[in-house]
Amino acid sequence: MKELVEYIVKNLVIDKDSVNVTEEDDDGVKIIHVFVAPDDMGRVIGRSGKIASAVRAIINSISSRQHQKVVVKFGE
């Protein structure tokens, strides 16, 4: 999952070197943290959060097939 999120985000931003994706496990729930440069945050979130919602929808679709709970969080 982490690799997929990283692939999607790197193709959205200009400063690909600043993309940092981490994954942690919290009581059976995987939390994927996405960090990008402040100038690229708008590209990742999108207008009214539509791109962030789309990324979350893709991950939720895949994780539900694998019977997992995955949360994607975006930050600078």
N, C-alpha and C. Protein backbone atom coordinates (compact mmCIF):
# COMPACT_ATOMS: atom_id res chain seq x y z
N MET A 1 0.82 -1.20 0.00
CA MET A 1 0.00 0.00 0.00
C MET A 1 0.86 1.26 0.00
N LYS A 2 1.88 1.23 0.84
CA LYS A 2 2.75 2.40 0.97
C LYS A 2 3.38 2.74 -0.38
N GLU A 3 3.82 1.72 -1.10
CA GLU A 3 4.47 1.95 -2.39
C GLU A 3 3.49 2.54 -3.40
N LEU A 4 2.25 2.09 -3.37
CA LEU A 4 1.24 2.62 -4.28
C LEU A 4 0.96 4.09 -3.99
N VAL A 5 0.81 4.43 -2.72
CA VAL A 5 0.56 5.83 -2.35
C VAL A 5 1.75 6.69 -2.77
N GLU A 6 2.96 6.20 -2.53
CA GLU A 6 4.15 6.96 -2.90
C GLU A 6 4.22 7.16 -4.41
N TYR A 7 3.88 6.15 -5.19
CA TYR A 7 3.88 6.25 -6.64
C TYR A 7 2.87 7.31 -7.11
N ILE A 8 1.67 7.27 -6.56
CA ILE A 8 0.63 8.23 -6.95
C ILE A 8 1.05 9.65 -6.61
N VAL A 9 1.53 9.85 -5.39
CA VAL A 9 1.90 11.20 -4.94
C VAL A 9 3.08 11.74 -5.72
N LYS A 10 4.07 10.92 -5.99
CA LYS A 10 5.24 11.40 -6.74
C LYS A 10 4.87 11.84 -8.14
N ASN A 11 3.83 11.26 -8.71
CA ASN A 11 3.40 11.67 -10.05
C ASN A 11 2.51 12.90 -10.03
N LEU A 12 2.13 13.36 -8.85
CA LEU A 12 1.32 14.58 -8.73
C LEU A 12 2.14 15.82 -8.45
N VAL A 13 3.28 15.67 -7.78
CA VAL A 13 4.03 16.82 -7.29
C VAL A 13 5.14 17.23 -8.26
N ILE A 14 5.69 18.43 -8.04
CA ILE A 14 6.82 18.92 -8.82
C ILE A 14 8.13 18.49 -8.16
N ASP A 15 8.24 18.67 -6.84
CA ASP A 15 9.45 18.33 -6.09
C ASP A 15 9.35 16.88 -5.59
N LYS A 16 9.72 15.95 -6.46
CA LYS A 16 9.58 14.52 -6.13
C LYS A 16 10.51 14.08 -5.01
N ASP A 17 11.63 14.79 -4.82
CA ASP A 17 12.59 14.41 -3.77
C ASP A 17 12.06 14.71 -2.37
N SER A 18 11.11 15.61 -2.26
CA SER A 18 10.60 15.97 -0.94
C SER A 18 9.48 15.05 -0.46
N VAL A 19 9.04 14.13 -1.30
CA VAL A 19 7.96 13.22 -0.93
C VAL A 19 8.49 12.19 0.07
N ASN A 20 7.80 12.08 1.19
CA ASN A 20 8.16 11.11 2.22
C ASN A 20 6.88 10.41 2.66
N VAL A 21 6.84 9.10 2.49
CA VAL A 21 5.67 8.31 2.85
C VAL A 21 6.09 7.31 3.92
N THR A 22 5.42 7.35 5.06
CA THR A 22 5.73 6.42 6.14
C THR A 22 4.48 5.62 6.48
N GLU A 23 4.71 4.47 7.09
CA GLU A 23 3.60 3.60 7.44
C GLU A 23 3.78 3.13 8.88
N GLU A 24 2.70 3.15 9.65
CA GLU A 24 2.74 2.66 11.01
C GLU A 24 1.53 1.79 11.27
N ASP A 25 1.63 0.93 12.25
CA ASP A 25 0.53 0.03 12.61
C ASP A 25 0.02 0.42 13.99
N ASP A 26 -1.28 0.69 14.08
CA ASP A 26 -1.89 1.11 15.33
C ASP A 26 -3.10 0.21 15.62
N ASP A 27 -2.90 -0.80 16.42
CA ASP A 27 -3.96 -1.75 16.79
C ASP A 27 -4.65 -2.36 15.57
N GLY A 28 -3.85 -2.82 14.62
CA GLY A 28 -4.41 -3.47 13.44
C GLY A 28 -4.82 -2.53 12.33
N VAL A 29 -4.70 -1.24 12.55
CA VAL A 29 -5.03 -0.25 11.53
C VAL A 29 -3.72 0.32 10.99
N LYS A 30 -3.51 0.20 9.68
CA LYS A 30 -2.32 0.78 9.07
C LYS A 30 -2.58 2.25 8.79
N ILE A 31 -1.66 3.09 9.23
CA ILE A 31 -1.77 4.53 8.98
C ILE A 31 -0.62 4.92 8.06
N ILE A 32 -0.96 5.47 6.91
CA ILE A 32 0.04 5.91 5.94
C ILE A 32 0.10 7.43 6.00
N HIS A 33 1.26 7.96 6.37
CA HIS A 33 1.47 9.40 6.44
C HIS A 33 2.19 9.86 5.18
N VAL A 34 1.67 10.89 4.54
CA VAL A 34 2.26 11.43 3.32
C VAL A 34 2.72 12.85 3.61
N PHE A 35 4.01 13.10 3.40
CA PHE A 35 4.60 14.42 3.60
C PHE A 35 5.17 14.91 2.27
N VAL A 36 4.82 16.14 1.90
CA VAL A 36 5.33 16.76 0.67
C VAL A 36 5.77 18.18 0.99
N ALA A 37 6.42 18.81 0.01
CA ALA A 37 6.83 20.21 0.16
C ALA A 37 5.58 21.08 0.28
N PRO A 38 5.67 22.18 1.03
CA PRO A 38 4.51 23.08 1.18
C PRO A 38 3.94 23.57 -0.15
N ASP A 39 4.79 23.80 -1.14
CA ASP A 39 4.32 24.27 -2.45
C ASP A 39 3.52 23.21 -3.20
N ASP A 40 3.76 21.94 -2.89
CA ASP A 40 3.08 20.84 -3.58
C ASP A 40 1.83 20.35 -2.85
N MET A 41 1.57 20.87 -1.66
CA MET A 41 0.44 20.37 -0.87
C MET A 41 -0.88 20.57 -1.61
N GLY A 42 -1.04 21.68 -2.29
CA GLY A 42 -2.27 21.93 -3.04
C GLY A 42 -2.49 20.93 -4.16
N ARG A 43 -1.41 20.48 -4.78
CA ARG A 43 -1.52 19.49 -5.85
C ARG A 43 -1.96 18.14 -5.30
N VAL A 44 -1.52 17.82 -4.11
CA VAL A 44 -1.85 16.52 -3.51
C VAL A 44 -3.26 16.52 -2.94
N ILE A 45 -3.66 17.63 -2.32
CA ILE A 45 -5.00 17.71 -1.73
C ILE A 45 -6.05 17.94 -2.82
N GLY A 46 -5.76 18.82 -3.75
CA GLY A 46 -6.70 19.11 -4.82
C GLY A 46 -7.77 20.10 -4.40
N ARG A 47 -8.52 20.56 -5.36
CA ARG A 47 -9.60 21.51 -5.10
C ARG A 47 -10.70 20.81 -4.31
N SER A 48 -11.02 21.38 -3.17
CA SER A 48 -12.02 20.82 -2.25
C SER A 48 -11.67 19.42 -1.78
N GLY A 49 -10.39 19.06 -1.84
CA GLY A 49 -9.95 17.75 -1.34
C GLY A 49 -10.27 16.58 -2.24
N LYS A 50 -10.55 16.84 -3.50
CA LYS A 50 -10.97 15.78 -4.41
C LYS A 50 -9.85 14.79 -4.72
N ILE A 51 -8.63 15.25 -4.88
CA ILE A 51 -7.52 14.33 -5.18
C ILE A 51 -7.21 13.49 -3.96
N ALA A 52 -7.18 14.10 -2.79
CA ALA A 52 -6.93 13.34 -1.56
C ALA A 52 -8.02 12.29 -1.35
N SER A 53 -9.25 12.65 -1.62
CA SER A 53 -10.36 11.69 -1.50
C SER A 53 -10.22 10.55 -2.49
N ALA A 54 -9.76 10.85 -3.69
CA ALA A 54 -9.57 9.81 -4.70
C ALA A 54 -8.47 8.84 -4.29
N VAL A 55 -7.37 9.37 -3.75
CA VAL A 55 -6.29 8.51 -3.27
C VAL A 55 -6.80 7.62 -2.15
N ARG A 56 -7.54 8.19 -1.23
CA ARG A 56 -8.10 7.40 -0.12
C ARG A 56 -9.07 6.34 -0.63
N ALA A 57 -9.86 6.67 -1.64
CA ALA A 57 -10.81 5.71 -2.19
C ALA A 57 -10.10 4.52 -2.84
N ILE A 58 -9.01 4.79 -3.55
CA ILE A 58 -8.23 3.71 -4.16
C ILE A 58 -7.66 2.80 -3.09
N ILE A 59 -7.07 3.39 -2.06
CA ILE A 59 -6.47 2.59 -0.99
C ILE A 59 -7.54 1.82 -0.21
N ASN A 60 -8.68 2.45 0.05
CA ASN A 60 -9.76 1.76 0.76
C ASN A 60 -10.29 0.58 -0.05
N SER A 61 -10.38 0.74 -1.35
CA SER A 61 -10.86 -0.34 -2.21
C SER A 61 -9.92 -1.54 -2.16
N ILE A 62 -8.63 -1.28 -2.25
CA ILE A 62 -7.65 -2.36 -2.22
C ILE A 62 -7.59 -2.99 -0.84
N SER A 63 -7.59 -2.16 0.21
CA SER A 63 -7.47 -2.69 1.57
C SER A 63 -8.69 -3.50 1.98
N SER A 64 -9.86 -3.14 1.50
CA SER A 64 -11.06 -3.90 1.87
C SER A 64 -11.03 -5.29 1.25
N ARG A 65 -10.44 -5.42 0.08
CA ARG A 65 -10.29 -6.74 -0.54
C ARG A 65 -9.34 -7.63 0.25
N GLN A 66 -8.40 -7.00 0.94
CA GLN A 66 -7.42 -7.74 1.74
C GLN A 66 -7.84 -7.81 3.20
N HIS A 67 -9.06 -7.37 3.51
CA HIS A 67 -9.60 -7.38 4.87
C HIS A 67 -8.70 -6.64 5.85
N GLN A 68 -8.27 -5.44 5.44
CA GLN A 68 -7.43 -4.58 6.27
C GLN A 68 -8.10 -3.22 6.37
N LYS A 69 -7.70 -2.47 7.40
CA LYS A 69 -8.13 -1.09 7.56
C LYS A 69 -6.91 -0.21 7.36
N VAL A 70 -6.98 0.68 6.38
CA VAL A 70 -5.86 1.57 6.08
C VAL A 70 -6.37 3.00 6.05
N VAL A 71 -5.64 3.90 6.71
CA VAL A 71 -5.98 5.33 6.75
C VAL A 71 -4.82 6.10 6.12
N VAL A 72 -5.13 7.04 5.24
CA VAL A 72 -4.11 7.87 4.60
C VAL A 72 -4.24 9.27 5.16
N LYS A 73 -3.14 9.81 5.69
CA LYS A 73 -3.10 11.17 6.23
C LYS A 73 -2.07 11.98 5.47
N PHE A 74 -2.43 13.23 5.15
CA PHE A 74 -1.55 14.12 4.41
C PHE A 74 -1.04 15.23 5.32
N GLY A 75 0.24 15.59 5.17
CA GLY A 75 0.83 16.66 5.97
C GLY A 75 2.00 17.28 5.23
N GLU A 76 2.54 18.35 5.79
CA GLU A 76 3.68 19.04 5.18
C GLU A 76 4.98 18.59 5.80
